[in-house]
Amino acid sequence: MAIPNLPKYKIIADDLLQKIQTGIYPLGTIIPAETELAQKYQVSRPTVRQAISNLVNQGYLERRRKRGTLVKKTKIEQEFTHLIESYSSEMSAKGMYPKTNLLYFKAEAAKAEVANSLHIKEAEPVFKLVRLRYANDQPTVLVTTYIPQKRVPELIKYDFAKDSLYKVLEKYDLKVTHVIRKLEVLEADETIASLLNVAQGKPIFNFHTQGMTIDEQPIEYSIAKYRGDINSFVIDVQQ
């Protein structure tokens, strides 16, 4: 198991992580005590403690008073807060299997909020697209998207359980070049809780997104509800 030039605590941390990821230490279980691990790896307790701290900081373990160290559910780092990338591409890049369930896709009259966000008149026709998106068969985010029908009437012929919306928009010279996002935190109602497989009342990250084309016109208005228990968001601010 030893790897040259790697500190002992890092070798141990990597081995513990492998055991977590392969299910030897399943989610929600307590890993062996520091004394037991020190004996197993033939190192001092401070070295084991440093390895555990490393995994605690990465979100794989959690120390519980009087219980020990628990294997916890890790969060998916969502980078769309500073990258314009399709959900499937982002999940695939993280080594996760993306899946989309198409719940609704029809044309309807734009309500005031949607019309204002898309810079169109109220009651103008828009495509409403509702998708439940998964990472490794786990529901992660519910996304409701509105697209002005007059900008891309051909949209209805695509299957957005498989097709990428952003890639389809590019085909019609409507590439999303930048986005404006607003975040709020809500409690999951009964419907959202059921779809995202969380308890009612649990926190949900609610993002409102305007997707803008190169001519500074909104082509997309989306409302994305992310589970609070398995998602975290990367904010990259540069000057």
C-alpha atoms as a PDB file:
ATOM      1  CA  MET A   1       0.000   0.000   0.000  1.00  0.00           C
ATOM      2  CA  ALA A   2       2.879   2.387   0.628  1.00  0.00           C
ATOM      3  CA  ILE A   3       3.613   4.980  -2.048  1.00  0.00           C
ATOM      4  CA  PRO A   4       7.039   6.668  -2.124  1.00  0.00           C
ATOM      5  CA  ASN A   5       7.181  10.356  -1.133  1.00  0.00           C
ATOM      6  CA  LEU A   6       3.610  10.422   0.189  1.00  0.00           C
ATOM      7  CA  PRO A   7       3.165  11.308   3.892  1.00  0.00           C
ATOM      8  CA  LYS A   8       1.872   8.427   5.992  1.00  0.00           C
ATOM      9  CA  TYR A   9      -1.322  10.281   6.931  1.00  0.00           C
ATOM     10  CA  LYS A  10      -2.110  10.823   3.222  1.00  0.00           C
ATOM     11  CA  ILE A  11      -1.571   7.132   2.429  1.00  0.00           C
ATOM     12  CA  ILE A  12      -3.943   6.234   5.250  1.00  0.00           C
ATOM     13  CA  ALA A  13      -6.491   8.851   4.178  1.00  0.00           C
ATOM     14  CA  ASP A  14      -6.441   7.496   0.614  1.00  0.00           C
ATOM     15  CA  ASP A  15      -6.925   3.948   1.859  1.00  0.00           C
ATOM     16  CA  LEU A  16      -9.818   4.969   4.118  1.00  0.00           C
ATOM     17  CA  LEU A  17     -11.410   6.872   1.238  1.00  0.00           C
ATOM     18  CA  GLN A  18     -11.161   3.820  -0.997  1.00  0.00           C
ATOM     19  CA  LYS A  19     -12.917   1.771   1.683  1.00  0.00           C
ATOM     20  CA  ILE A  20     -15.666   4.399   1.911  1.00  0.00           C
ATOM     21  CA  GLN A  21     -16.162   4.547  -1.856  1.00  0.00           C
ATOM     22  CA  THR A  22     -16.236   0.771  -2.252  1.00  0.00           C
ATOM     23  CA  GLY A  23     -18.704   0.296   0.601  1.00  0.00           C
ATOM     24  CA  ILE A  24     -16.376  -1.424   3.046  1.00  0.00           C
ATOM     25  CA  TYR A  25     -17.265   1.470   5.357  1.00  0.00           C
ATOM     26  CA  PRO A  26     -20.874   2.181   4.277  1.00  0.00           C
ATOM     27  CA  LEU A  27     -22.678   5.496   4.577  1.00  0.00           C
ATOM     28  CA  GLY A  28     -23.892   6.136   8.114  1.00  0.00           C
ATOM     29  CA  THR A  29     -21.543   3.666   9.825  1.00  0.00           C
ATOM     30  CA  ILE A  30     -18.812   4.353  12.369  1.00  0.00           C
ATOM     31  CA  ILE A  31     -15.267   3.668  11.189  1.00  0.00           C
ATOM     32  CA  PRO A  32     -12.825   1.853  13.515  1.00  0.00           C
ATOM     33  CA  ALA A  33     -11.442   3.816  16.469  1.00  0.00           C
ATOM     34  CA  GLU A  34      -8.116   5.685  16.202  1.00  0.00           C
ATOM     35  CA  THR A  35      -6.367   3.121  18.381  1.00  0.00           C
ATOM     36  CA  GLU A  36      -7.545   0.274  16.171  1.00  0.00           C
ATOM     37  CA  LEU A  37      -6.533   2.111  12.994  1.00  0.00           C
ATOM     38  CA  ALA A  38      -3.132   3.028  14.449  1.00  0.00           C
ATOM     39  CA  GLN A  39      -2.505  -0.642  15.136  1.00  0.00           C
ATOM     40  CA  LYS A  40      -3.771  -1.687  11.700  1.00  0.00           C
ATOM     41  CA  TYR A  41      -1.546   0.811   9.832  1.00  0.00           C
ATOM     42  CA  GLN A  42       1.379   0.532  12.272  1.00  0.00           C
ATOM     43  CA  VAL A  43       1.521   4.290  12.913  1.00  0.00           C
ATOM     44  CA  SER A  44       0.950   6.651  15.838  1.00  0.00           C
ATOM     45  CA  ARG A  45      -2.516   7.909  16.825  1.00  0.00           C
ATOM     46  CA  PRO A  46      -1.665  11.525  15.790  1.00  0.00           C
ATOM     47  CA  THR A  47      -0.924  10.261  12.269  1.00  0.00           C
ATOM     48  CA  VAL A  48      -4.284   8.491  12.131  1.00  0.00           C
ATOM     49  CA  ARG A  49      -5.964  11.598  13.560  1.00  0.00           C
ATOM     50  CA  GLN A  50      -4.433  13.704  10.790  1.00  0.00           C
ATOM     51  CA  ALA A  51      -5.677  11.268   8.131  1.00  0.00           C
ATOM     52  CA  ILE A  52      -9.181  11.374   9.596  1.00  0.00           C
ATOM     53  CA  SER A  53      -9.092  15.180   9.797  1.00  0.00           C
ATOM     54  CA  ASN A  54      -8.182  15.240   6.115  1.00  0.00           C
ATOM     55  CA  LEU A  55     -11.323  13.275   5.239  1.00  0.00           C
ATOM     56  CA  VAL A  56     -13.452  15.309   7.639  1.00  0.00           C
ATOM     57  CA  ASN A  57     -12.335  18.480   5.852  1.00  0.00           C
ATOM     58  CA  GLN A  58     -13.241  16.905   2.489  1.00  0.00           C
ATOM     59  CA  GLY A  59     -16.704  16.032   3.765  1.00  0.00           C
ATOM     60  CA  TYR A  60     -16.387  12.237   3.792  1.00  0.00           C
ATOM     61  CA  LEU A  61     -16.313  11.801   7.572  1.00  0.00           C
ATOM     62  CA  GLU A  62     -17.924  13.516  10.529  1.00  0.00           C
ATOM     63  CA  ARG A  63     -16.814  13.332  14.148  1.00  0.00           C
ATOM     64  CA  ARG A  64     -19.632  12.619  16.593  1.00  0.00           C
ATOM     65  CA  ARG A  65     -19.156  13.136  20.311  1.00  0.00           C
ATOM     66  CA  LYS A  66     -19.311   9.922  22.322  1.00  0.00           C
ATOM     67  CA  ARG A  67     -19.978   7.903  19.136  1.00  0.00           C
ATOM     68  CA  GLY A  68     -16.856   8.060  17.001  1.00  0.00           C
ATOM     69  CA  THR A  69     -16.276   9.054  13.394  1.00  0.00           C
ATOM     70  CA  LEU A  70     -19.199   8.641  11.010  1.00  0.00           C
ATOM     71  CA  VAL A  71     -19.151   8.071   7.241  1.00  0.00           C
ATOM     72  CA  LYS A  72     -21.323  10.882   5.918  1.00  0.00           C
ATOM     73  CA  LYS A  73     -22.993  11.747   2.648  1.00  0.00           C
ATOM     74  CA  THR A  74     -20.680  13.886   0.524  1.00  0.00           C
ATOM     75  CA  LYS A  75     -21.926  16.928  -1.330  1.00  0.00           C
ATOM     76  CA  ILE A  76     -21.747  17.481  -5.066  1.00  0.00           C
ATOM     77  CA  GLU A  77     -19.812  20.653  -5.858  1.00  0.00           C
ATOM     78  CA  GLN A  78     -21.875  22.519  -8.430  1.00  0.00           C
ATOM     79  CA  GLU A  79     -19.724  24.868 -10.471  1.00  0.00           C
ATOM     80  CA  PHE A  80     -22.435  26.420 -12.635  1.00  0.00           C
ATOM     81  CA  THR A  81     -22.227  29.542 -10.471  1.00  0.00           C
ATOM     82  CA  HIS A  82     -19.139  30.533 -12.470  1.00  0.00           C
ATOM     83  CA  LEU A  83     -19.203  28.194 -15.501  1.00  0.00           C
ATOM     84  CA  ILE A  84     -21.704  27.958 -18.341  1.00  0.00           C
ATOM     85  CA  GLU A  85     -21.904  24.228 -18.897  1.00  0.00           C
ATOM     86  CA  SER A  86     -24.658  21.680 -19.327  1.00  0.00           C
ATOM     87  CA  TYR A  87     -25.649  19.651 -16.268  1.00  0.00           C
ATOM     88  CA  SER A  88     -24.748  16.378 -18.006  1.00  0.00           C
ATOM     89  CA  SER A  89     -21.283  17.648 -18.946  1.00  0.00           C
ATOM     90  CA  GLU A  90     -20.595  18.873 -15.422  1.00  0.00           C
ATOM     91  CA  MET A  91     -21.708  15.628 -13.758  1.00  0.00           C
ATOM     92  CA  SER A  92     -19.770  13.508 -16.266  1.00  0.00           C
ATOM     93  CA  ALA A  93     -16.636  15.571 -15.606  1.00  0.00           C
ATOM     94  CA  LYS A  94     -17.017  14.728 -11.904  1.00  0.00           C
ATOM     95  CA  GLY A  95     -17.155  11.016 -12.703  1.00  0.00           C
ATOM     96  CA  MET A  96     -20.888  10.800 -11.965  1.00  0.00           C
ATOM     97  CA  TYR A  97     -23.611   9.291 -14.139  1.00  0.00           C
ATOM     98  CA  PRO A  98     -26.167  11.955 -15.146  1.00  0.00           C
ATOM     99  CA  LYS A  99     -29.783  11.109 -15.953  1.00  0.00           C
ATOM    100  CA  THR A 100     -32.786  13.263 -16.802  1.00  0.00           C
ATOM    101  CA  ASN A 101     -36.490  12.528 -16.377  1.00  0.00           C
ATOM    102  CA  LEU A 102     -38.628  14.766 -18.591  1.00  0.00           C
ATOM    103  CA  LEU A 103     -41.715  15.628 -16.533  1.00  0.00           C
ATOM    104  CA  TYR A 104     -43.378  18.237 -18.766  1.00  0.00           C
ATOM    105  CA  PHE A 105     -42.755  19.928 -22.114  1.00  0.00           C
ATOM    106  CA  LYS A 106     -45.459  22.049 -23.738  1.00  0.00           C
ATOM    107  CA  ALA A 107     -46.168  25.534 -25.017  1.00  0.00           C
ATOM    108  CA  GLU A 108     -48.177  27.822 -22.762  1.00  0.00           C
ATOM    109  CA  ALA A 109     -48.907  31.502 -22.165  1.00  0.00           C
ATOM    110  CA  ALA A 110     -46.196  33.363 -20.262  1.00  0.00           C
ATOM    111  CA  LYS A 111     -47.169  34.629 -16.827  1.00  0.00           C
ATOM    112  CA  ALA A 112     -45.923  37.998 -15.592  1.00  0.00           C
ATOM    113  CA  GLU A 113     -42.726  36.736 -13.891  1.00  0.00           C
ATOM    114  CA  VAL A 114     -41.713  34.690 -16.925  1.00  0.00           C
ATOM    115  CA  ALA A 115     -42.569  37.460 -19.388  1.00  0.00           C
ATOM    116  CA  ASN A 116     -40.568  40.034 -17.434  1.00  0.00           C
ATOM    117  CA  SER A 117     -37.563  37.714 -17.229  1.00  0.00           C
ATOM    118  CA  LEU A 118     -37.637  36.953 -20.962  1.00  0.00           C
ATOM    119  CA  HIS A 119     -38.389  40.547 -22.026  1.00  0.00           C
ATOM    120  CA  ILE A 120     -41.597  39.536 -23.799  1.00  0.00           C
ATOM    121  CA  LYS A 121     -45.246  40.475 -23.383  1.00  0.00           C
ATOM    122  CA  GLU A 122     -47.408  38.703 -20.841  1.00  0.00           C
ATOM    123  CA  ALA A 123     -49.364  35.788 -22.357  1.00  0.00           C
ATOM    124  CA  GLU A 124     -46.919  35.411 -25.259  1.00  0.00           C
ATOM    125  CA  PRO A 125     -46.300  31.694 -25.951  1.00  0.00           C
ATOM    126  CA  VAL A 126     -43.311  30.087 -24.276  1.00  0.00           C
ATOM    127  CA  PHE A 127     -42.097  26.532 -24.074  1.00  0.00           C
ATOM    128  CA  LYS A 128     -42.212  25.239 -20.511  1.00  0.00           C
ATOM    129  CA  LEU A 129     -39.741  22.440 -19.851  1.00  0.00           C
ATOM    130  CA  VAL A 130     -39.648  20.612 -16.491  1.00  0.00           C
ATOM    131  CA  ARG A 131     -36.803  18.158 -15.835  1.00  0.00           C
ATOM    132  CA  LEU A 132     -35.835  16.123 -12.793  1.00  0.00           C
ATOM    133  CA  ARG A 133     -32.091  15.578 -12.948  1.00  0.00           C
ATOM    134  CA  TYR A 134     -30.071  12.849 -11.277  1.00  0.00           C
ATOM    135  CA  ALA A 135     -26.464  12.119 -10.349  1.00  0.00           C
ATOM    136  CA  ASN A 136     -25.690   8.407  -9.924  1.00  0.00           C
ATOM    137  CA  ASP A 137     -29.438   7.597  -9.790  1.00  0.00           C
ATOM    138  CA  GLN A 138     -29.991  10.102  -6.985  1.00  0.00           C
ATOM    139  CA  PRO A 139     -32.425  12.999  -7.640  1.00  0.00           C
ATOM    140  CA  THR A 140     -30.410  16.200  -7.345  1.00  0.00           C
ATOM    141  CA  VAL A 141     -32.264  19.130  -8.898  1.00  0.00           C
ATOM    142  CA  LEU A 142     -35.694  19.977 -10.307  1.00  0.00           C
ATOM    143  CA  VAL A 143     -35.435  22.493 -13.159  1.00  0.00           C
ATOM    144  CA  THR A 144     -38.289  24.416 -14.750  1.00  0.00           C
ATOM    145  CA  THR A 145     -37.202  26.272 -17.901  1.00  0.00           C
ATOM    146  CA  TYR A 146     -39.014  28.755 -20.131  1.00  0.00           C
ATOM    147  CA  ILE A 147     -37.970  29.570 -23.717  1.00  0.00           C
ATOM    148  CA  PRO A 148     -39.738  32.133 -25.960  1.00  0.00           C
ATOM    149  CA  GLN A 149     -41.502  30.109 -28.648  1.00  0.00           C
ATOM    150  CA  LYS A 150     -41.007  32.793 -31.320  1.00  0.00           C
ATOM    151  CA  ARG A 151     -37.209  32.642 -30.929  1.00  0.00           C
ATOM    152  CA  VAL A 152     -36.928  28.892 -31.576  1.00  0.00           C
ATOM    153  CA  PRO A 153     -40.241  27.273 -32.629  1.00  0.00           C
ATOM    154  CA  GLU A 154     -38.425  24.051 -33.616  1.00  0.00           C
ATOM    155  CA  LEU A 155     -37.582  23.325 -29.969  1.00  0.00           C
ATOM    156  CA  ILE A 156     -40.656  21.141 -29.550  1.00  0.00           C
ATOM    157  CA  LYS A 157     -39.206  18.392 -31.781  1.00  0.00           C
ATOM    158  CA  TYR A 158     -36.329  17.601 -29.402  1.00  0.00           C
ATOM    159  CA  ASP A 159     -36.239  15.021 -26.612  1.00  0.00           C
ATOM    160  CA  PHE A 160     -34.839  16.801 -23.569  1.00  0.00           C
ATOM    161  CA  ALA A 161     -34.577  13.592 -21.608  1.00  0.00           C
ATOM    162  CA  LYS A 162     -31.540  13.043 -23.857  1.00  0.00           C
ATOM    163  CA  ASP A 163     -30.759  16.299 -25.675  1.00  0.00           C
ATOM    164  CA  SER A 164     -28.834  19.167 -24.075  1.00  0.00           C
ATOM    165  CA  LEU A 165     -30.873  22.383 -24.153  1.00  0.00           C
ATOM    166  CA  TYR A 166     -27.791  24.584 -24.463  1.00  0.00           C
ATOM    167  CA  LYS A 167     -26.418  22.516 -27.343  1.00  0.00           C
ATOM    168  CA  VAL A 168     -29.751  22.660 -29.139  1.00  0.00           C
ATOM    169  CA  LEU A 169     -29.899  26.451 -28.718  1.00  0.00           C
ATOM    170  CA  GLU A 170     -26.408  26.696 -30.230  1.00  0.00           C
ATOM    171  CA  LYS A 171     -27.704  24.992 -33.387  1.00  0.00           C
ATOM    172  CA  TYR A 172     -30.006  27.980 -33.898  1.00  0.00           C
ATOM    173  CA  ASP A 173     -27.308  30.593 -33.192  1.00  0.00           C
ATOM    174  CA  LEU A 174     -28.767  31.199 -29.731  1.00  0.00           C
ATOM    175  CA  LYS A 175     -25.771  30.256 -27.640  1.00  0.00           C
ATOM    176  CA  VAL A 176     -26.009  31.301 -24.006  1.00  0.00           C
ATOM    177  CA  THR A 177     -22.949  33.510 -23.489  1.00  0.00           C
ATOM    178  CA  HIS A 178     -23.583  34.645 -19.934  1.00  0.00           C
ATOM    179  CA  VAL A 179     -26.144  34.186 -17.197  1.00  0.00           C
ATOM    180  CA  ILE A 180     -27.663  36.202 -14.380  1.00  0.00           C
ATOM    181  CA  ARG A 181     -28.521  34.156 -11.300  1.00  0.00           C
ATOM    182  CA  LYS A 182     -30.351  34.904  -8.076  1.00  0.00           C
ATOM    183  CA  LEU A 183     -30.214  32.509  -5.123  1.00  0.00           C
ATOM    184  CA  GLU A 184     -32.662  32.066  -2.280  1.00  0.00           C
ATOM    185  CA  VAL A 185     -33.085  29.279   0.254  1.00  0.00           C
ATOM    186  CA  LEU A 186     -36.544  27.749   0.640  1.00  0.00           C
ATOM    187  CA  GLU A 187     -38.137  24.891   2.517  1.00  0.00           C
ATOM    188  CA  ALA A 188     -39.199  21.876   0.472  1.00  0.00           C
ATOM    189  CA  ASP A 189     -42.961  21.642   0.110  1.00  0.00           C
ATOM    190  CA  GLU A 190     -44.744  18.297  -0.207  1.00  0.00           C
ATOM    191  CA  THR A 191     -44.344  18.058  -4.003  1.00  0.00           C
ATOM    192  CA  ILE A 192     -40.680  19.095  -4.109  1.00  0.00           C
ATOM    193  CA  ALA A 193     -39.857  16.836  -1.160  1.00  0.00           C
ATOM    194  CA  SER A 194     -41.402  13.866  -2.956  1.00  0.00           C
ATOM    195  CA  LEU A 195     -39.598  14.529  -6.254  1.00  0.00           C
ATOM    196  CA  LEU A 196     -36.190  15.201  -4.701  1.00  0.00           C
ATOM    197  CA  ASN A 197     -36.501  12.448  -2.089  1.00  0.00           C
ATOM    198  CA  VAL A 198     -36.041  14.712   0.947  1.00  0.00           C
ATOM    199  CA  ALA A 199     -38.150  15.350   4.011  1.00  0.00           C
ATOM    200  CA  GLN A 200     -40.744  18.100   3.776  1.00  0.00           C
ATOM    201  CA  GLY A 201     -39.402  21.345   5.250  1.00  0.00           C
ATOM    202  CA  LYS A 202     -35.756  20.573   4.449  1.00  0.00           C
ATOM    203  CA  PRO A 203     -33.719  23.427   2.890  1.00  0.00           C
ATOM    204  CA  ILE A 204     -33.680  23.776  -0.889  1.00  0.00           C
ATOM    205  CA  PHE A 205     -31.358  26.033  -2.899  1.00  0.00           C
ATOM    206  CA  ASN A 206     -33.604  27.909  -5.324  1.00  0.00           C
ATOM    207  CA  PHE A 207     -31.821  29.509  -8.298  1.00  0.00           C
ATOM    208  CA  HIS A 208     -33.487  31.885 -10.776  1.00  0.00           C
ATOM    209  CA  THR A 209     -31.460  32.094 -13.987  1.00  0.00           C
ATOM    210  CA  GLN A 210     -31.639  34.320 -17.039  1.00  0.00           C
ATOM    211  CA  GLY A 211     -29.590  32.892 -19.903  1.00  0.00           C
ATOM    212  CA  MET A 212     -28.444  35.662 -22.242  1.00  0.00           C
ATOM    213  CA  THR A 213     -27.316  35.429 -25.874  1.00  0.00           C
ATOM    214  CA  ILE A 214     -24.496  37.460 -27.409  1.00  0.00           C
ATOM    215  CA  ASP A 215     -26.958  40.245 -28.305  1.00  0.00           C
ATOM    216  CA  GLU A 216     -27.830  40.582 -24.594  1.00  0.00           C
ATOM    217  CA  GLN A 217     -31.318  39.162 -25.064  1.00  0.00           C
ATOM    218  CA  PRO A 218     -32.655  36.553 -22.627  1.00  0.00           C
ATOM    219  CA  ILE A 219     -33.319  33.230 -24.337  1.00  0.00           C
ATOM    220  CA  GLU A 220     -33.858  31.197 -21.162  1.00  0.00           C
ATOM    221  CA  TYR A 221     -35.489  31.699 -17.792  1.00  0.00           C
ATOM    222  CA  SER A 222     -35.023  28.801 -15.387  1.00  0.00           C
ATOM    223  CA  ILE A 223     -35.956  28.034 -11.803  1.00  0.00           C
ATOM    224  CA  ALA A 224     -33.746  25.282 -10.372  1.00  0.00           C
ATOM    225  CA  LYS A 225     -34.419  23.705  -6.996  1.00  0.00           C
ATOM    226  CA  TYR A 226     -31.330  21.897  -5.638  1.00  0.00           C
ATOM    227  CA  ARG A 227     -31.314  19.568  -2.642  1.00  0.00           C
ATOM    228  CA  GLY A 228     -29.558  21.263   0.253  1.00  0.00           C
ATOM    229  CA  ASP A 229     -28.215  18.043   1.748  1.00  0.00           C
ATOM    230  CA  ILE A 230     -26.104  16.863  -1.207  1.00  0.00           C
ATOM    231  CA  ASN A 231     -25.189  20.042  -3.092  1.00  0.00           C
ATOM    232  CA  SER A 232     -22.648  22.771  -2.480  1.00  0.00           C
ATOM    233  CA  PHE A 233     -21.775  25.648  -4.793  1.00  0.00           C
ATOM    234  CA  VAL A 234     -18.438  27.002  -5.930  1.00  0.00           C
ATOM    235  CA  ILE A 235     -18.268  30.814  -6.097  1.00  0.00           C
ATOM    236  CA  ASP A 236     -15.272  32.084  -8.048  1.00  0.00           C
ATOM    237  CA  VAL A 237     -14.883  35.847  -7.711  1.00  0.00           C
ATOM    238  CA  GLN A 238     -12.114  37.564  -9.650  1.00  0.00           C
ATOM    239  CA  GLN A 239     -11.073  41.185  -9.843  1.00  0.00           C
END
